[in-house]
Protein backbone atom coordinates (compact mmCIF):
# COMPACT_ATOMS: atom_id res chain seq x y z
CA MET A 1 0.00 -0.13 -0.20
CA ASP A 2 1.27 3.36 -1.03
CA ILE A 3 2.17 5.33 2.30
CA ALA A 4 0.25 8.49 0.87
CA GLN A 5 -2.78 6.31 0.26
CA ALA A 6 -2.78 5.60 4.22
CA PRO A 7 -4.49 8.61 5.59
CA ASN A 8 -7.41 8.56 2.96
CA MET A 9 -7.98 4.87 3.96
CA ALA A 10 -8.23 5.99 7.54
CA ILE A 11 -10.75 8.87 6.26
CA GLN A 12 -12.82 6.20 4.70
CA LYS A 13 -12.93 3.60 7.40
CA LYS A 14 -13.98 6.76 9.72
CA LYS A 15 -16.66 7.77 7.55
CA VAL A 16 -17.82 4.14 7.15
CA LYS A 17 -18.32 3.73 11.02
CA TYR A 18 -19.90 7.18 11.22
CA VAL A 19 -22.64 6.00 8.61
CA LYS A 20 -22.88 2.71 10.25
CA ARG A 21 -23.54 4.58 13.72
CA LYS A 22 -25.94 7.03 12.43
CA THR A 23 -27.91 4.20 10.62
CA GLN A 24 -28.19 2.33 14.01
CA ASP A 25 -29.33 5.56 15.80
CA TYR A 26 -31.69 6.21 13.02
CA VAL A 27 -32.89 2.51 13.34
CA THR A 28 -33.07 2.55 17.14
CA ILE A 29 -35.03 6.11 17.26
CA ALA A 30 -37.60 4.31 14.72
CA LEU A 31 -38.04 1.17 16.80
CA PHE A 32 -38.59 3.87 19.77
CA LEU A 33 -41.26 5.52 17.45
CA LEU A 34 -43.09 2.66 15.98
CA PRO A 35 -45.28 1.71 18.98
CA ALA A 36 -46.43 5.57 18.98
CA VAL A 37 -46.72 6.13 15.60
CA ALA A 38 -48.80 2.67 15.08
CA LEU A 39 -51.03 3.74 17.55
CA PHE A 40 -51.58 7.54 16.07
CA LEU A 41 -52.50 5.90 12.92
CA VAL A 42 -54.82 3.28 13.98
CA PHE A 43 -56.78 5.60 16.76
CA ILE A 44 -56.83 9.21 15.34
CA VAL A 45 -55.67 9.04 11.41
CA TYR A 46 -57.51 5.98 10.46
CA PRO A 47 -60.88 7.31 12.20
CA ILE A 48 -60.61 10.88 10.83
CA ILE A 49 -60.41 8.83 7.04
CA ARG A 50 -63.35 6.85 7.85
CA SER A 51 -65.32 9.66 9.02
CA SER A 52 -64.57 11.70 6.10
CA TYR A 53 -65.69 9.00 4.07
CA PHE A 54 -68.85 8.37 6.00
CA SER A 55 -69.59 11.99 6.08
CA PHE A 56 -70.56 11.80 2.31
CA PHE A 57 -73.28 9.01 2.77
CA THR A 58 -76.83 8.64 4.47
CA TRP A 59 -75.73 5.71 6.85
CA ASN A 60 -77.13 4.12 10.01
CA GLY A 61 -73.94 2.83 11.25
CA LEU A 62 -75.46 -0.91 10.88
CA ASN A 63 -75.65 -1.53 6.90
CA PRO A 64 -73.03 -0.78 4.68
CA ALA A 65 -72.69 2.89 3.27
CA LYS A 66 -74.74 3.03 -0.04
CA VAL A 67 -76.68 6.07 -0.20
CA PHE A 68 -74.51 8.97 -1.48
CA VAL A 69 -75.53 12.37 -0.66
CA GLY A 70 -72.51 14.08 -1.54
CA LEU A 71 -72.25 17.68 0.53
CA LYS A 72 -76.01 17.56 1.85
CA ASN A 73 -74.64 16.55 5.04
CA PHE A 74 -72.55 19.67 5.19
CA GLN A 75 -75.54 21.89 3.88
CA GLN A 76 -77.96 20.65 6.39
CA ILE A 77 -75.06 21.35 9.08
CA PHE A 78 -74.58 24.93 8.32
CA SER A 79 -78.53 25.48 8.10
CA ASP A 80 -79.73 24.07 11.07
CA LYS A 81 -79.98 26.62 13.74
CA ILE A 82 -79.30 23.98 16.78
CA PHE A 83 -75.61 23.84 15.07
CA MET A 84 -75.49 27.59 15.15
CA LYS A 85 -76.49 27.78 18.70
CA ALA A 86 -74.18 24.89 19.55
CA VAL A 87 -71.33 27.10 18.03
CA ILE A 88 -72.43 30.19 19.69
CA ASN A 89 -72.49 28.24 22.91
CA GLY A 90 -69.15 27.17 22.43
CA LEU A 91 -67.75 30.76 21.66
CA ILE A 92 -69.49 31.85 25.03
CA LEU A 93 -67.50 29.13 27.06
CA VAL A 94 -64.22 30.44 24.99
CA ALA A 95 -64.65 33.86 25.56
CA LEU A 96 -65.68 33.79 29.22
CA SER A 97 -62.55 31.16 29.97
CA ILE A 98 -60.22 33.75 28.05
CA CYS A 99 -61.75 36.62 30.13
CA ILE A 100 -62.35 35.26 33.40
CA GLN A 101 -61.21 31.89 33.91
CA LEU A 102 -57.58 32.27 32.56
CA PRO A 103 -56.98 36.11 34.58
CA LEU A 104 -58.08 34.48 37.93
CA SER A 105 -55.96 31.78 37.64
CA LEU A 106 -53.17 33.76 36.59
CA GLY A 107 -53.55 36.00 39.35
CA LEU A 108 -54.00 33.17 41.83
CA ALA A 109 -50.76 31.56 40.85
CA ILE A 110 -49.12 34.96 41.20
CA LEU A 111 -50.67 35.08 44.71
CA VAL A 112 -49.72 31.50 45.58
CA GLY A 113 -46.38 31.62 43.76
CA ARG A 114 -45.22 34.31 46.31
CA ASP A 115 -44.25 34.50 50.05
CA LEU A 116 -47.72 33.61 51.08
CA PRO A 117 -48.06 31.43 54.13
CA GLY A 118 -49.54 27.89 53.38
CA ARG A 119 -48.92 28.26 49.68
CA GLY A 120 -48.83 24.58 49.81
CA PHE A 121 -51.76 23.87 51.33
CA PHE A 122 -53.67 26.11 48.86
CA ARG A 123 -51.94 24.87 45.77
CA ALA A 124 -53.12 21.31 46.68
CA ILE A 125 -56.81 22.67 47.64
CA PHE A 126 -57.02 24.37 44.07
CA PHE A 127 -55.45 21.54 41.74
CA MET A 128 -57.64 18.96 43.75
CA PRO A 129 -60.76 19.22 41.54
CA TYR A 130 -58.75 18.65 38.26
CA VAL A 131 -57.77 15.42 39.81
CA LEU A 132 -61.49 14.39 39.47
CA SER A 133 -62.96 13.07 36.09
CA GLU A 134 -65.50 15.03 34.37
CA VAL A 135 -68.09 12.54 34.90
CA ILE A 136 -67.41 12.55 38.67
CA THR A 137 -67.54 16.39 38.55
CA ALA A 138 -70.63 16.73 37.00
CA ILE A 139 -72.36 14.56 39.24
CA ILE A 140 -71.15 16.33 42.12
CA TRP A 141 -72.56 19.54 40.90
CA LEU A 142 -75.91 18.04 39.65
CA GLY A 143 -76.16 17.36 43.52
CA LEU A 144 -75.11 20.89 44.55
CA LEU A 145 -77.24 22.97 41.97
CA ASN A 146 -80.37 20.95 42.72
CA PRO A 147 -83.41 23.44 42.73
CA ASP A 148 -84.79 21.65 45.97
CA PRO A 149 -83.25 23.52 49.08
CA ASP A 150 -83.45 20.27 50.90
CA ARG A 151 -81.37 18.41 48.39
CA GLY A 152 -79.00 21.18 46.89
CA LEU A 153 -76.45 23.02 48.96
CA VAL A 154 -76.51 26.17 46.72
CA ASN A 155 -80.09 26.63 46.64
CA ALA A 156 -80.18 26.02 50.50
CA LEU A 157 -77.76 28.57 51.09
CA LEU A 158 -79.54 30.98 48.72
CA VAL A 159 -83.01 30.46 50.64
CA LEU A 160 -81.27 31.72 53.99
CA LEU A 161 -81.18 35.02 52.23
CA PRO A 162 -84.31 37.20 52.88
CA GLY A 163 -86.41 37.59 49.84
CA VAL A 164 -84.39 34.76 47.67
CA LYS A 165 -86.11 31.93 46.02
CA PRO A 166 -84.65 28.97 44.98
CA VAL A 167 -83.02 29.37 41.38
CA ILE A 168 -83.43 26.61 38.87
CA PHE A 169 -79.64 26.55 37.62
CA LEU A 170 -79.75 23.88 34.92
CA GLY A 171 -83.30 24.41 33.88
CA ASN A 172 -83.47 28.26 33.34
CA MET A 173 -82.18 28.79 29.72
CA LYS A 174 -80.96 32.41 30.42
CA ILE A 175 -78.41 31.08 33.14
CA VAL A 176 -77.71 27.46 32.10
CA MET A 177 -74.25 28.70 30.32
CA ALA A 178 -73.22 30.58 33.06
CA SER A 179 -73.97 27.68 35.51
CA ILE A 180 -71.86 25.21 33.11
CA PHE A 181 -69.14 27.59 32.90
CA VAL A 182 -68.86 28.11 36.88
CA VAL A 183 -68.22 24.15 36.90
CA LEU A 184 -65.99 24.02 34.03
CA THR A 185 -63.98 26.79 36.04
CA TRP A 186 -63.66 24.90 39.33
CA LYS A 187 -62.93 21.70 37.62
CA TYR A 188 -60.08 23.47 35.71
CA PHE A 189 -59.19 26.33 37.58
CA GLY A 190 -56.12 24.35 39.41
CA LEU A 191 -54.63 23.07 35.79
CA HIS A 192 -54.35 26.64 34.49
CA MET A 193 -52.97 27.79 37.75
CA LEU A 194 -50.32 24.90 38.03
CA LEU A 195 -49.22 25.72 34.38
CA TYR A 196 -48.67 29.28 35.36
CA LEU A 197 -46.78 28.39 38.72
CA ALA A 198 -44.45 26.23 36.68
CA GLY A 199 -43.96 29.15 34.34
CA LEU A 200 -43.24 31.52 37.41
CA SER A 201 -40.80 28.88 38.90
CA ASN A 202 -38.43 29.44 35.53
CA ILE A 203 -38.50 33.63 35.91
CA PRO A 204 -35.18 34.05 37.35
CA HIS A 205 -35.89 36.19 40.74
CA GLU A 206 -32.96 38.56 39.86
CA VAL A 207 -35.04 40.01 37.28
CA GLU A 208 -38.04 41.09 39.26
CA GLU A 209 -35.24 42.00 41.94
CA ALA A 210 -33.87 44.41 39.54
CA ALA A 211 -37.28 46.00 38.56
CA LEU A 212 -38.02 46.68 42.30
CA ILE A 213 -34.40 48.02 42.61
CA ASP A 214 -35.17 50.46 39.73
CA GLY A 215 -37.94 51.62 41.22
CA ALA A 216 -41.13 49.55 40.02
CA ASN A 217 -43.91 48.95 42.30
CA GLN A 218 -45.54 45.53 42.46
CA TRP A 219 -48.05 45.87 39.96
CA GLN A 220 -45.52 47.62 37.51
CA MET A 221 -43.47 44.63 38.07
CA ILE A 222 -46.03 42.13 37.44
CA ARG A 223 -47.34 44.29 34.21
CA TYR A 224 -43.88 44.56 32.50
CA VAL A 225 -41.89 41.94 33.73
CA THR A 226 -43.85 38.96 35.16
CA ILE A 227 -46.69 38.69 32.44
CA PRO A 228 -44.37 39.26 29.27
CA LEU A 229 -41.81 36.65 30.56
CA LEU A 230 -45.01 34.25 31.30
CA GLY A 231 -45.92 34.70 27.28
CA THR A 232 -45.29 31.25 26.29
CA THR A 233 -47.57 29.85 29.24
CA ILE A 234 -50.13 32.15 28.44
CA ARG A 235 -50.28 31.35 25.16
CA THR A 236 -50.46 27.55 25.71
CA THR A 237 -53.06 27.73 28.33
CA VAL A 238 -55.30 30.23 25.90
CA GLN A 239 -54.99 27.43 23.51
CA LEU A 240 -55.72 24.82 25.60
CA SER A 241 -58.89 26.50 26.93
CA VAL A 242 -60.32 27.25 23.56
CA LEU A 243 -59.83 23.98 22.00
CA GLY A 244 -61.46 22.49 25.33
CA ALA A 245 -64.54 24.96 25.35
CA LEU A 246 -65.11 24.15 21.80
CA THR A 247 -65.06 20.48 22.21
CA GLN A 248 -66.69 20.15 25.91
CA PHE A 249 -68.78 17.15 26.08
CA ASN A 250 -69.08 15.24 29.26
CA LEU A 251 -69.92 18.05 31.74
CA ILE A 252 -72.80 19.44 29.34
CA TRP A 253 -74.20 15.89 28.11
CA ILE A 254 -74.43 14.58 32.14
CA MET A 255 -75.88 17.62 33.66
CA THR A 256 -78.07 18.78 30.75
CA LYS A 257 -77.97 16.74 27.96
CA GLY A 258 -78.08 20.11 25.72
CA GLY A 259 -81.02 21.40 27.31
CA PRO A 260 -83.30 22.85 28.14
CA VAL A 261 -84.61 23.50 24.78
CA ASN A 262 -81.08 23.38 23.51
CA ALA A 263 -79.79 26.10 25.30
CA SER A 264 -76.44 24.46 26.36
CA GLU A 265 -76.08 22.48 22.85
CA SER A 266 -72.33 22.15 21.98
CA MET A 267 -70.80 20.85 18.86
CA ALA A 268 -69.74 17.75 20.63
CA THR A 269 -73.32 16.89 22.30
CA TYR A 270 -74.98 17.69 18.81
CA MET A 271 -72.93 15.38 17.29
CA TYR A 272 -73.29 12.72 19.68
CA ARG A 273 -77.16 13.13 19.82
CA PHE A 274 -77.19 12.38 15.82
CA GLY A 275 -74.82 9.45 16.04
CA PHE A 276 -75.45 7.45 19.01
CA ILE A 277 -79.22 8.48 19.49
CA ARG A 278 -80.84 9.03 16.10
CA PHE A 279 -78.40 6.68 14.33
CA TRP A 280 -77.41 9.23 11.62
CA PHE A 281 -73.63 8.31 11.64
CA GLY A 282 -73.23 9.93 8.22
CA TYR A 283 -74.70 12.95 9.48
CA ALA A 284 -72.77 12.90 12.67
CA SER A 285 -69.32 11.84 10.76
CA ALA A 286 -70.02 15.40 8.69
CA VAL A 287 -70.37 17.06 11.98
CA ALA A 288 -67.18 15.59 13.54
CA LEU A 289 -65.46 16.58 10.61
CA VAL A 290 -66.63 20.12 10.72
CA LEU A 291 -65.57 20.39 14.53
CA LEU A 292 -62.20 18.93 13.36
CA LEU A 293 -61.75 21.57 10.57
CA ILE A 294 -62.82 24.25 13.35
CA CYS A 295 -60.28 23.32 15.85
CA LEU A 296 -57.58 22.50 13.34
CA ALA A 297 -58.11 26.06 11.45
CA PHE A 298 -57.70 27.91 15.12
CA SER A 299 -54.45 25.95 16.12
CA LEU A 300 -52.89 26.62 12.79
CA VAL A 301 -53.98 30.79 12.93
CA TYR A 302 -53.12 30.98 16.46
CA GLN A 303 -49.85 29.22 16.08
CA ARG A 304 -49.22 31.68 13.43
CA LEU A 305 -50.21 34.86 14.55
CA TYR A 306 -48.44 34.21 17.88
CA ARG A 307 -44.96 33.14 17.35
CA ILE A 308 -43.57 35.52 19.90
CA PRO A 309 -39.76 34.84 20.85
CA ASP A 310 -39.38 33.30 24.13
CA TYR A 311 -37.31 35.36 26.41
CA LEU A 312 -36.67 32.80 28.85
CA GLY A 313 -36.32 30.09 26.14
CA GLY A 314 -34.16 32.02 23.95
CA ILE A 315 -36.01 31.35 20.81
């Protein structure tokens, strides 16, 4: 072998070893990802494809789908006043969550995250409702909001006030959505608070101390230092809150079944009603596809509009 070719041979061997190592790394990564990808394809992608197919048919879910109706199901969806009412109810929950639930969660997180005596106890108390399932939560609040003062705690307390009569919280078309929002807030208040607490723990104390040394008061420090540094966490909670409000089903169905007179109907309960009660699975598949597209469109637009640099993460 020519001595001049020895370095080239060594370089070639290193390249071969590098390629083999990279190949082994890719194979290892693929093997670890394979179960998750398989589950994703089977339980997410495949149902979406099948629902998209059935949305163009009149199908009862039992016999083969043979009656092709094209876009008729989608035309019926957008011409149905009950579906539009469900969309409006979803938007109402979204607005209430963004304007009331999240600011209260953020304020409580800032309060509990500071040197508040017994803050560990308060964290556990506020987070405890989130541990309960939505079914258990709905059953608990069905009892609390019972219109009979002898059975419902809330009305039992209200009638103690002079001149106050029992309130039918879930049977009144004007206040049923507000009642459901109270339950949703009680359920998910602790989750958002915990997310904000995690974000607060990543803010260096030196930054806040520097703001105080420069003459900022407590409110100015929160307004101009804490909240901007929580930008990523706030955007995450907003997205979770919006998607959760648009797809809410369990609480509404157990507590009101969309009533009274469709006053608390959501897009998810509307879909369930036509699919599993009336057995119009073709129409319900179209509703599911519309709901998916609404959530997907919101997520894509939201991520596109709010790609703001993360000052703590350096991106």
